[in-house]
Amino acid sequence: MWQIATVLTVLMVPLAVSVWVWSKHQWAADQLEQVGPRYARLAGLVQAKERLAQAEASAKALLAAHAYPAEQDAVQAGNDAQQRIRSLFADSKLDVGSIQVLPPKELAAFDRIGIVLRVEGDLTGVQNALTLLEKQSPTVWVDSVSVQTVGVVKPKMPQRLSAQFNFSVLRVRS
């Protein structure tokens, strides 16, 4: 009996070790299966490092062309935009009645700074100012426009217009 027990014990040890090794092998295979796709993505990112750096630089340049940087205060950004807009419309031979910077509104990653402008002048001046406004950087967005005639309409004279523009500029929030 003792001999059978000893033989069974000697046989059970390799069997137990084999089961333990097999379970560790299964665990390792599962881990490799989970890590494999992650590793492939990371390897792809490493290979595309240069293209990603170029894309990031391009995105930053595009953002700088359309929005004020986060380092600039919202008040400073509003004042800068206000001065640029005023000079554009004044250079287009329009009479600037008033211009006002509104408090910034928070969007997802930006502050939207509103600017209200009231001007008077002829249609060509308004067209010229809007053409020049299109070339501004950071971008000045036209939210709404309200145009009315001033005085009596005379057929052979250029019509004088009164317009109110609601503009906005974006400032990156860090």
N, C-alpha and C. Protein backbone atom coordinates (compact mmCIF):
# COMPACT_ATOMS: atom_id res chain seq x y z
N MET A 1 0.81 -1.18 0.00
CA MET A 1 0.00 0.00 0.00
C MET A 1 0.87 1.27 0.00
N TRP A 2 1.93 1.17 0.84
CA TRP A 2 2.82 2.32 0.89
C TRP A 2 3.52 2.55 -0.43
N GLN A 3 3.79 1.51 -1.11
CA GLN A 3 4.47 1.64 -2.39
C GLN A 3 3.54 2.29 -3.43
N ILE A 4 2.25 1.90 -3.40
CA ILE A 4 1.30 2.49 -4.34
C ILE A 4 1.12 3.98 -4.02
N ALA A 5 1.04 4.32 -2.73
CA ALA A 5 0.88 5.71 -2.32
C ALA A 5 2.10 6.53 -2.73
N THR A 6 3.27 5.95 -2.59
CA THR A 6 4.50 6.66 -2.96
C THR A 6 4.55 6.87 -4.47
N VAL A 7 4.18 5.86 -5.25
CA VAL A 7 4.19 5.98 -6.71
C VAL A 7 3.17 7.02 -7.16
N LEU A 8 1.97 6.99 -6.55
CA LEU A 8 0.94 7.97 -6.90
C LEU A 8 1.39 9.40 -6.54
N THR A 9 2.04 9.56 -5.42
CA THR A 9 2.53 10.87 -5.01
C THR A 9 3.60 11.35 -5.98
N VAL A 10 4.49 10.45 -6.36
CA VAL A 10 5.55 10.82 -7.29
C VAL A 10 4.94 11.18 -8.65
N LEU A 11 3.87 10.50 -9.07
CA LEU A 11 3.23 10.81 -10.34
C LEU A 11 2.37 12.08 -10.25
N MET A 12 1.82 12.36 -9.08
CA MET A 12 0.95 13.54 -8.91
C MET A 12 1.74 14.84 -8.98
N VAL A 13 2.95 14.84 -8.50
CA VAL A 13 3.76 16.06 -8.50
C VAL A 13 4.00 16.54 -9.94
N PRO A 14 4.47 15.66 -10.88
CA PRO A 14 4.64 16.16 -12.25
C PRO A 14 3.32 16.57 -12.89
N LEU A 15 2.24 15.84 -12.54
CA LEU A 15 0.92 16.19 -13.08
C LEU A 15 0.49 17.57 -12.59
N ALA A 16 0.68 17.85 -11.30
CA ALA A 16 0.32 19.16 -10.74
C ALA A 16 1.16 20.27 -11.36
N VAL A 17 2.45 20.00 -11.52
CA VAL A 17 3.34 20.98 -12.14
C VAL A 17 2.91 21.22 -13.59
N SER A 18 2.55 20.16 -14.30
CA SER A 18 2.09 20.30 -15.69
C SER A 18 0.83 21.14 -15.77
N VAL A 19 -0.13 20.92 -14.88
CA VAL A 19 -1.36 21.72 -14.86
C VAL A 19 -1.04 23.17 -14.56
N TRP A 20 -0.14 23.40 -13.61
CA TRP A 20 0.23 24.78 -13.25
C TRP A 20 0.90 25.48 -14.44
N VAL A 21 1.83 24.78 -15.11
CA VAL A 21 2.51 25.35 -16.28
C VAL A 21 1.51 25.62 -17.39
N TRP A 22 0.58 24.72 -17.62
CA TRP A 22 -0.43 24.91 -18.67
C TRP A 22 -1.30 26.13 -18.37
N SER A 23 -1.72 26.31 -17.10
CA SER A 23 -2.56 27.46 -16.74
C SER A 23 -1.77 28.76 -16.91
N LYS A 24 -0.49 28.77 -16.54
CA LYS A 24 0.33 29.97 -16.74
C LYS A 24 0.51 30.26 -18.24
N HIS A 25 0.64 29.23 -19.04
CA HIS A 25 0.75 29.40 -20.48
C HIS A 25 -0.54 30.03 -21.05
N GLN A 26 -1.69 29.55 -20.59
CA GLN A 26 -2.97 30.11 -21.04
C GLN A 26 -3.09 31.57 -20.61
N TRP A 27 -2.69 31.86 -19.38
CA TRP A 27 -2.74 33.24 -18.89
C TRP A 27 -1.83 34.14 -19.74
N ALA A 28 -0.63 33.68 -20.04
CA ALA A 28 0.32 34.46 -20.86
C ALA A 28 -0.22 34.65 -22.27
N ALA A 29 -0.84 33.62 -22.83
CA ALA A 29 -1.42 33.74 -24.17
C ALA A 29 -2.54 34.77 -24.18
N ASP A 30 -3.39 34.77 -23.14
CA ASP A 30 -4.46 35.77 -23.04
C ASP A 30 -3.88 37.18 -22.92
N GLN A 31 -2.83 37.34 -22.13
CA GLN A 31 -2.20 38.65 -21.98
C GLN A 31 -1.62 39.13 -23.30
N LEU A 32 -0.96 38.25 -24.03
CA LEU A 32 -0.42 38.63 -25.34
C LEU A 32 -1.52 39.01 -26.31
N GLU A 33 -2.64 38.29 -26.24
CA GLU A 33 -3.77 38.60 -27.12
C GLU A 33 -4.33 39.99 -26.82
N GLN A 34 -4.34 40.36 -25.55
CA GLN A 34 -4.84 41.68 -25.17
C GLN A 34 -3.84 42.78 -25.50
N VAL A 35 -2.57 42.51 -25.31
CA VAL A 35 -1.53 43.51 -25.51
C VAL A 35 -1.18 43.68 -26.99
N GLY A 36 -1.41 42.66 -27.79
CA GLY A 36 -1.04 42.69 -29.21
C GLY A 36 -1.59 43.90 -29.95
N PRO A 37 -2.90 44.17 -29.92
CA PRO A 37 -3.42 45.34 -30.63
C PRO A 37 -2.86 46.66 -30.10
N ARG A 38 -2.68 46.75 -28.79
CA ARG A 38 -2.12 47.98 -28.21
C ARG A 38 -0.70 48.19 -28.72
N TYR A 39 0.06 47.13 -28.72
CA TYR A 39 1.44 47.22 -29.21
C TYR A 39 1.46 47.63 -30.67
N ALA A 40 0.57 47.05 -31.46
CA ALA A 40 0.53 47.40 -32.89
C ALA A 40 0.18 48.88 -33.07
N ARG A 41 -0.76 49.40 -32.27
CA ARG A 41 -1.10 50.83 -32.36
C ARG A 41 0.09 51.69 -31.98
N LEU A 42 0.77 51.33 -30.89
CA LEU A 42 1.92 52.11 -30.46
C LEU A 42 3.05 52.04 -31.49
N ALA A 43 3.26 50.87 -32.07
CA ALA A 43 4.28 50.75 -33.10
C ALA A 43 3.92 51.61 -34.31
N GLY A 44 2.64 51.66 -34.65
CA GLY A 44 2.19 52.52 -35.75
C GLY A 44 2.41 53.99 -35.43
N LEU A 45 2.15 54.37 -34.17
CA LEU A 45 2.38 55.77 -33.77
C LEU A 45 3.86 56.12 -33.82
N VAL A 46 4.70 55.20 -33.43
CA VAL A 46 6.14 55.45 -33.48
C VAL A 46 6.58 55.62 -34.93
N GLN A 47 6.05 54.80 -35.82
CA GLN A 47 6.42 54.92 -37.23
C GLN A 47 5.89 56.22 -37.84
N ALA A 48 4.74 56.68 -37.37
CA ALA A 48 4.13 57.89 -37.92
C ALA A 48 4.49 59.13 -37.11
N LYS A 49 5.51 59.05 -36.30
CA LYS A 49 5.89 60.15 -35.42
C LYS A 49 6.13 61.45 -36.19
N GLU A 50 6.84 61.37 -37.28
CA GLU A 50 7.16 62.57 -38.05
C GLU A 50 5.91 63.18 -38.67
N ARG A 51 5.05 62.33 -39.24
CA ARG A 51 3.80 62.83 -39.83
C ARG A 51 2.90 63.43 -38.76
N LEU A 52 2.87 62.81 -37.57
CA LEU A 52 2.05 63.36 -36.49
C LEU A 52 2.59 64.71 -36.03
N ALA A 53 3.91 64.86 -35.98
CA ALA A 53 4.50 66.14 -35.60
C ALA A 53 4.16 67.22 -36.63
N GLN A 54 4.20 66.86 -37.91
CA GLN A 54 3.83 67.81 -38.96
C GLN A 54 2.35 68.18 -38.86
N ALA A 55 1.51 67.20 -38.60
CA ALA A 55 0.07 67.48 -38.47
C ALA A 55 -0.20 68.36 -37.27
N GLU A 56 0.51 68.14 -36.18
CA GLU A 56 0.33 68.97 -34.99
C GLU A 56 0.77 70.40 -35.27
N ALA A 57 1.90 70.57 -35.95
CA ALA A 57 2.38 71.91 -36.29
C ALA A 57 1.39 72.61 -37.22
N SER A 58 0.85 71.87 -38.16
CA SER A 58 -0.14 72.44 -39.08
C SER A 58 -1.41 72.85 -38.33
N ALA A 59 -1.85 72.02 -37.40
CA ALA A 59 -3.05 72.34 -36.62
C ALA A 59 -2.82 73.57 -35.74
N LYS A 60 -1.63 73.67 -35.16
CA LYS A 60 -1.33 74.84 -34.32
C LYS A 60 -1.28 76.12 -35.16
N ALA A 61 -0.72 76.02 -36.37
CA ALA A 61 -0.67 77.20 -37.25
C ALA A 61 -2.08 77.60 -37.67
N LEU A 62 -2.91 76.62 -37.97
CA LEU A 62 -4.29 76.90 -38.35
C LEU A 62 -5.05 77.53 -37.19
N LEU A 63 -4.83 77.02 -35.99
CA LEU A 63 -5.48 77.59 -34.81
C LEU A 63 -5.02 79.02 -34.57
N ALA A 64 -3.74 79.27 -34.76
CA ALA A 64 -3.22 80.63 -34.58
C ALA A 64 -3.78 81.60 -35.62
N ALA A 65 -4.12 81.08 -36.80
CA ALA A 65 -4.69 81.94 -37.84
C ALA A 65 -6.14 82.30 -37.56
N HIS A 66 -6.81 81.50 -36.76
CA HIS A 66 -8.24 81.73 -36.53
C HIS A 66 -8.60 82.17 -35.11
N ALA A 67 -7.70 82.07 -34.16
CA ALA A 67 -8.04 82.41 -32.77
C ALA A 67 -6.85 83.06 -32.08
N TYR A 68 -7.18 83.91 -31.12
CA TYR A 68 -6.14 84.52 -30.30
C TYR A 68 -5.56 83.45 -29.36
N PRO A 69 -4.29 83.55 -29.00
CA PRO A 69 -3.68 82.52 -28.15
C PRO A 69 -4.18 82.63 -26.71
N ALA A 70 -4.01 81.55 -25.97
CA ALA A 70 -4.46 81.50 -24.57
C ALA A 70 -3.63 82.45 -23.70
N GLU A 71 -2.39 82.73 -24.12
CA GLU A 71 -1.52 83.62 -23.33
C GLU A 71 -2.05 85.05 -23.31
N GLN A 72 -2.84 85.42 -24.31
CA GLN A 72 -3.38 86.77 -24.38
C GLN A 72 -4.70 86.83 -23.61
N ASP A 73 -4.84 87.81 -22.78
CA ASP A 73 -6.04 87.99 -21.98
C ASP A 73 -7.25 88.25 -22.88
N ALA A 74 -8.43 87.85 -22.44
CA ALA A 74 -9.65 88.05 -23.24
C ALA A 74 -9.91 89.53 -23.50
N VAL A 75 -9.63 90.37 -22.53
CA VAL A 75 -9.83 91.81 -22.69
C VAL A 75 -8.87 92.35 -23.75
N GLN A 76 -7.61 91.90 -23.70
CA GLN A 76 -6.63 92.35 -24.69
C GLN A 76 -7.03 91.88 -26.09
N ALA A 77 -7.49 90.65 -26.20
CA ALA A 77 -7.92 90.12 -27.50
C ALA A 77 -9.10 90.93 -28.03
N GLY A 78 -10.06 91.23 -27.18
CA GLY A 78 -11.21 92.03 -27.59
C GLY A 78 -10.81 93.42 -28.03
N ASN A 79 -9.91 94.04 -27.29
CA ASN A 79 -9.46 95.39 -27.65
C ASN A 79 -8.68 95.39 -28.95
N ASP A 80 -7.85 94.37 -29.16
CA ASP A 80 -7.10 94.28 -30.41
C ASP A 80 -8.04 94.12 -31.60
N ALA A 81 -9.00 93.24 -31.46
CA ALA A 81 -9.98 93.03 -32.54
C ALA A 81 -10.80 94.30 -32.78
N GLN A 82 -11.17 94.98 -31.71
CA GLN A 82 -11.93 96.22 -31.83
C GLN A 82 -11.14 97.27 -32.63
N GLN A 83 -9.87 97.42 -32.32
CA GLN A 83 -9.04 98.40 -33.03
C GLN A 83 -8.87 98.02 -34.49
N ARG A 84 -8.65 96.74 -34.77
CA ARG A 84 -8.50 96.30 -36.16
C ARG A 84 -9.78 96.54 -36.95
N ILE A 85 -10.92 96.22 -36.36
CA ILE A 85 -12.21 96.40 -37.05
C ILE A 85 -12.48 97.89 -37.27
N ARG A 86 -12.25 98.69 -36.25
CA ARG A 86 -12.48 100.14 -36.39
C ARG A 86 -11.62 100.72 -37.50
N SER A 87 -10.35 100.36 -37.55
CA SER A 87 -9.48 100.92 -38.58
C SER A 87 -9.88 100.44 -39.98
N LEU A 88 -10.32 99.20 -40.11
CA LEU A 88 -10.77 98.70 -41.42
C LEU A 88 -11.97 99.49 -41.94
N PHE A 89 -12.93 99.69 -41.08
CA PHE A 89 -14.14 100.39 -41.51
C PHE A 89 -13.87 101.88 -41.71
N ALA A 90 -13.01 102.47 -40.89
CA ALA A 90 -12.66 103.88 -41.08
C ALA A 90 -11.85 104.07 -42.37
N ASP A 91 -10.94 103.14 -42.65
CA ASP A 91 -10.15 103.22 -43.88
C ASP A 91 -11.02 103.02 -45.13
N SER A 92 -12.17 102.40 -44.98
CA SER A 92 -13.09 102.19 -46.10
C SER A 92 -14.05 103.36 -46.26
N LYS A 93 -13.72 104.47 -45.62
CA LYS A 93 -14.50 105.71 -45.72
C LYS A 93 -15.92 105.56 -45.17
N LEU A 94 -16.02 104.85 -44.06
CA LEU A 94 -17.30 104.72 -43.35
C LEU A 94 -17.18 105.47 -42.04
N ASP A 95 -18.27 106.07 -41.61
CA ASP A 95 -18.30 106.78 -40.34
C ASP A 95 -18.65 105.78 -39.24
N VAL A 96 -17.72 105.55 -38.33
CA VAL A 96 -17.96 104.62 -37.22
C VAL A 96 -18.73 105.36 -36.15
N GLY A 97 -19.98 104.94 -35.95
CA GLY A 97 -20.82 105.57 -34.92
C GLY A 97 -20.45 105.08 -33.54
N SER A 98 -20.35 103.79 -33.38
CA SER A 98 -19.96 103.21 -32.10
C SER A 98 -19.43 101.81 -32.32
N ILE A 99 -18.60 101.40 -31.40
CA ILE A 99 -18.07 100.03 -31.42
C ILE A 99 -17.91 99.61 -29.96
N GLN A 100 -18.36 98.41 -29.67
CA GLN A 100 -18.37 97.96 -28.28
C GLN A 100 -17.94 96.50 -28.22
N VAL A 101 -17.08 96.20 -27.25
CA VAL A 101 -16.66 94.82 -27.01
C VAL A 101 -17.55 94.25 -25.92
N LEU A 102 -18.13 93.09 -26.20
CA LEU A 102 -19.02 92.44 -25.24
C LEU A 102 -18.23 91.45 -24.38
N PRO A 103 -18.75 91.08 -23.22
CA PRO A 103 -18.05 90.10 -22.38
C PRO A 103 -17.93 88.76 -23.10
N PRO A 104 -16.83 88.06 -22.86
CA PRO A 104 -16.64 86.77 -23.55
C PRO A 104 -17.62 85.71 -23.07
N LYS A 105 -18.00 84.84 -24.01
CA LYS A 105 -18.85 83.69 -23.70
C LYS A 105 -17.99 82.44 -23.86
N GLU A 106 -18.16 81.50 -22.96
CA GLU A 106 -17.35 80.29 -23.01
C GLU A 106 -17.96 79.27 -23.96
N LEU A 107 -17.14 78.80 -24.88
CA LEU A 107 -17.48 77.67 -25.74
C LEU A 107 -16.64 76.50 -25.27
N ALA A 108 -16.64 75.42 -26.00
CA ALA A 108 -15.93 74.20 -25.58
C ALA A 108 -14.48 74.50 -25.18
N ALA A 109 -13.67 74.94 -26.09
CA ALA A 109 -12.26 75.20 -25.78
C ALA A 109 -11.88 76.65 -26.06
N PHE A 110 -12.89 77.49 -26.30
CA PHE A 110 -12.65 78.87 -26.70
C PHE A 110 -13.49 79.83 -25.87
N ASP A 111 -13.03 81.08 -25.85
CA ASP A 111 -13.84 82.21 -25.41
C ASP A 111 -14.28 82.92 -26.67
N ARG A 112 -15.58 83.15 -26.80
CA ARG A 112 -16.11 83.87 -27.97
C ARG A 112 -16.37 85.31 -27.51
N ILE A 113 -15.61 86.24 -28.07
CA ILE A 113 -15.68 87.65 -27.68
C ILE A 113 -16.49 88.39 -28.74
N GLY A 114 -17.62 88.93 -28.33
CA GLY A 114 -18.50 89.64 -29.25
C GLY A 114 -18.12 91.11 -29.39
N ILE A 115 -18.34 91.64 -30.58
CA ILE A 115 -18.07 93.06 -30.88
C ILE A 115 -19.23 93.58 -31.70
N VAL A 116 -19.82 94.69 -31.25
CA VAL A 116 -20.94 95.31 -31.95
C VAL A 116 -20.44 96.62 -32.56
N LEU A 117 -20.69 96.79 -33.87
CA LEU A 117 -20.23 97.96 -34.60
C LEU A 117 -21.40 98.60 -35.32
N ARG A 118 -21.50 99.94 -35.23
CA ARG A 118 -22.51 100.69 -35.98
C ARG A 118 -21.76 101.68 -36.86
N VAL A 119 -22.08 101.65 -38.16
CA VAL A 119 -21.41 102.52 -39.13
C VAL A 119 -22.43 103.14 -40.06
N GLU A 120 -22.00 104.23 -40.70
CA GLU A 120 -22.78 104.86 -41.77
C GLU A 120 -21.85 105.13 -42.93
N GLY A 121 -22.40 105.00 -44.14
CA GLY A 121 -21.62 105.25 -45.34
C GLY A 121 -22.31 104.66 -46.55
N ASP A 122 -21.57 104.59 -47.65
CA ASP A 122 -22.18 104.04 -48.86
C ASP A 122 -21.88 102.54 -48.98
N LEU A 123 -22.56 101.93 -49.94
CA LEU A 123 -22.46 100.48 -50.11
C LEU A 123 -21.06 100.03 -50.50
N THR A 124 -20.37 100.80 -51.32
CA THR A 124 -19.02 100.41 -51.72
C THR A 124 -18.06 100.38 -50.53
N GLY A 125 -18.26 101.29 -49.60
CA GLY A 125 -17.43 101.29 -48.39
C GLY A 125 -17.67 100.05 -47.54
N VAL A 126 -18.95 99.65 -47.43
CA VAL A 126 -19.28 98.44 -46.68
C VAL A 126 -18.67 97.22 -47.36
N GLN A 127 -18.80 97.15 -48.68
CA GLN A 127 -18.24 96.03 -49.43
C GLN A 127 -16.72 95.96 -49.28
N ASN A 128 -16.08 97.12 -49.37
CA ASN A 128 -14.63 97.18 -49.23
C ASN A 128 -14.20 96.72 -47.84
N ALA A 129 -14.89 97.19 -46.82
CA ALA A 129 -14.54 96.82 -45.44
C ALA A 129 -14.71 95.32 -45.22
N LEU A 130 -15.79 94.75 -45.75
CA LEU A 130 -16.01 93.31 -45.57
C LEU A 130 -14.96 92.50 -46.34
N THR A 131 -14.53 93.00 -47.48
CA THR A 131 -13.47 92.32 -48.24
C THR A 131 -12.16 92.34 -47.45
N LEU A 132 -11.84 93.47 -46.86
CA LEU A 132 -10.63 93.57 -46.04
C LEU A 132 -10.75 92.74 -44.76
N LEU A 133 -11.93 92.66 -44.22
CA LEU A 133 -12.17 91.90 -42.99
C LEU A 133 -11.91 90.41 -43.20
N GLU A 134 -12.18 89.95 -44.42
CA GLU A 134 -11.99 88.53 -44.74
C GLU A 134 -10.52 88.12 -44.62
N LYS A 135 -9.60 89.05 -44.81
CA LYS A 135 -8.18 88.74 -44.82
C LYS A 135 -7.53 88.88 -43.44
N GLN A 136 -8.30 89.18 -42.43
CA GLN A 136 -7.75 89.40 -41.10
C GLN A 136 -7.33 88.08 -40.44
N SER A 137 -6.29 88.18 -39.62
CA SER A 137 -5.85 87.04 -38.84
C SER A 137 -5.45 87.55 -37.48
N PRO A 138 -5.97 87.02 -36.43
CA PRO A 138 -6.99 85.98 -36.27
C PRO A 138 -8.31 86.38 -36.91
N THR A 139 -9.05 85.38 -37.29
CA THR A 139 -10.29 85.56 -38.04
C THR A 139 -11.32 86.34 -37.23
N VAL A 140 -11.99 87.25 -37.92
CA VAL A 140 -13.13 87.97 -37.33
C VAL A 140 -14.38 87.36 -37.97
N TRP A 141 -15.23 86.79 -37.13
CA TRP A 141 -16.44 86.12 -37.62
C TRP A 141 -17.61 87.10 -37.63
N VAL A 142 -18.38 87.12 -38.70
CA VAL A 142 -19.56 87.97 -38.80
C VAL A 142 -20.75 87.14 -38.32
N ASP A 143 -21.32 87.57 -37.19
CA ASP A 143 -22.47 86.84 -36.63
C ASP A 143 -23.78 87.30 -37.24
N SER A 144 -23.94 88.63 -37.37
CA SER A 144 -25.17 89.14 -37.99
C SER A 144 -24.92 90.55 -38.53
N VAL A 145 -25.76 90.93 -39.49
CA VAL A 145 -25.66 92.24 -40.12
C VAL A 145 -27.07 92.79 -40.27
N SER A 146 -27.24 94.07 -39.96
CA SER A 146 -28.51 94.75 -40.17
C SER A 146 -28.20 96.05 -40.91
N VAL A 147 -28.77 96.21 -42.11
CA VAL A 147 -28.49 97.37 -42.95
C VAL A 147 -29.80 98.10 -43.25
N GLN A 148 -29.77 99.44 -43.13
CA GLN A 148 -30.94 100.28 -43.43
C GLN A 148 -30.47 101.48 -44.23
N THR A 149 -31.39 102.03 -44.99
CA THR A 149 -31.07 103.24 -45.73
C THR A 149 -31.24 104.44 -44.81
N VAL A 150 -30.45 105.49 -45.09
CA VAL A 150 -30.52 106.72 -44.32
C VAL A 150 -31.00 107.82 -45.25
N GLY A 151 -32.04 108.51 -44.84
CA GLY A 151 -32.52 109.63 -45.64
C GLY A 151 -33.35 109.20 -46.83
N VAL A 152 -33.54 110.16 -47.72
CA VAL A 152 -34.37 109.97 -48.90
C VAL A 152 -33.53 109.30 -49.99
N VAL A 153 -34.14 108.36 -50.71
CA VAL A 153 -33.46 107.67 -51.80
C VAL A 153 -33.48 108.58 -53.03
N LYS A 154 -32.31 108.89 -53.55
CA LYS A 154 -32.19 109.72 -54.75
C LYS A 154 -31.59 108.83 -55.84
N PRO A 155 -32.23 108.77 -57.00
CA PRO A 155 -31.81 107.81 -58.02
C PRO A 155 -30.39 108.00 -58.53
N LYS A 156 -29.90 109.20 -58.64
CA LYS A 156 -28.59 109.41 -59.26
C LYS A 156 -27.48 109.60 -58.22
N MET A 157 -27.80 109.48 -56.96
CA MET A 157 -26.83 109.66 -55.89
C MET A 157 -26.60 108.33 -55.19
N PRO A 158 -25.38 108.09 -54.74
CA PRO A 158 -25.16 106.86 -53.97
C PRO A 158 -25.95 106.92 -52.66
N GLN A 159 -26.59 105.85 -52.35
CA GLN A 159 -27.44 105.79 -51.16
C GLN A 159 -26.58 105.65 -49.91
N ARG A 160 -26.92 106.43 -48.92
CA ARG A 160 -26.22 106.35 -47.64
C ARG A 160 -26.91 105.27 -46.81
N LEU A 161 -26.09 104.41 -46.20
CA LEU A 161 -26.59 103.28 -45.42
C LEU A 161 -26.16 103.39 -43.96
N SER A 162 -26.97 102.83 -43.12
CA SER A 162 -26.63 102.67 -41.71
C SER A 162 -26.61 101.17 -41.45
N ALA A 163 -25.54 100.68 -40.85
CA ALA A 163 -25.41 99.23 -40.65
C ALA A 163 -24.96 98.93 -39.23
N GLN A 164 -25.47 97.83 -38.73
CA GLN A 164 -24.99 97.32 -37.45
C GLN A 164 -24.45 95.91 -37.70
N PHE A 165 -23.22 95.70 -37.30
CA PHE A 165 -22.56 94.41 -37.44
C PHE A 165 -22.33 93.81 -36.06
N ASN A 166 -22.59 92.54 -35.95
CA ASN A 166 -22.22 91.80 -34.75
C ASN A 166 -21.11 90.83 -35.16
N PHE A 167 -19.92 91.10 -34.64
CA PHE A 167 -18.75 90.28 -34.94
C PHE A 167 -18.40 89.46 -33.70
N SER A 168 -17.56 88.48 -33.92
CA SER A 168 -16.97 87.77 -32.79
C SER A 168 -15.60 87.28 -33.19
N VAL A 169 -14.74 87.18 -32.19
CA VAL A 169 -13.41 86.59 -32.35
C VAL A 169 -13.27 85.50 -31.31
N LEU A 170 -12.41 84.55 -31.59
CA LEU A 170 -12.19 83.44 -30.68
C LEU A 170 -10.85 83.58 -29.98
N ARG A 171 -10.84 83.18 -28.72
CA ARG A 171 -9.60 83.14 -27.93
C ARG A 171 -9.50 81.75 -27.33
N VAL A 172 -8.37 81.11 -27.49
CA VAL A 172 -8.17 79.76 -26.98
C VAL A 172 -8.13 79.83 -25.45
N ARG A 173 -8.92 78.95 -24.83
CA ARG A 173 -8.82 78.79 -23.38
C ARG A 173 -7.88 77.63 -23.13
N SER A 174 -6.94 77.80 -22.26
CA SER A 174 -5.96 76.72 -22.02
C SER A 174 -6.59 75.55 -21.40
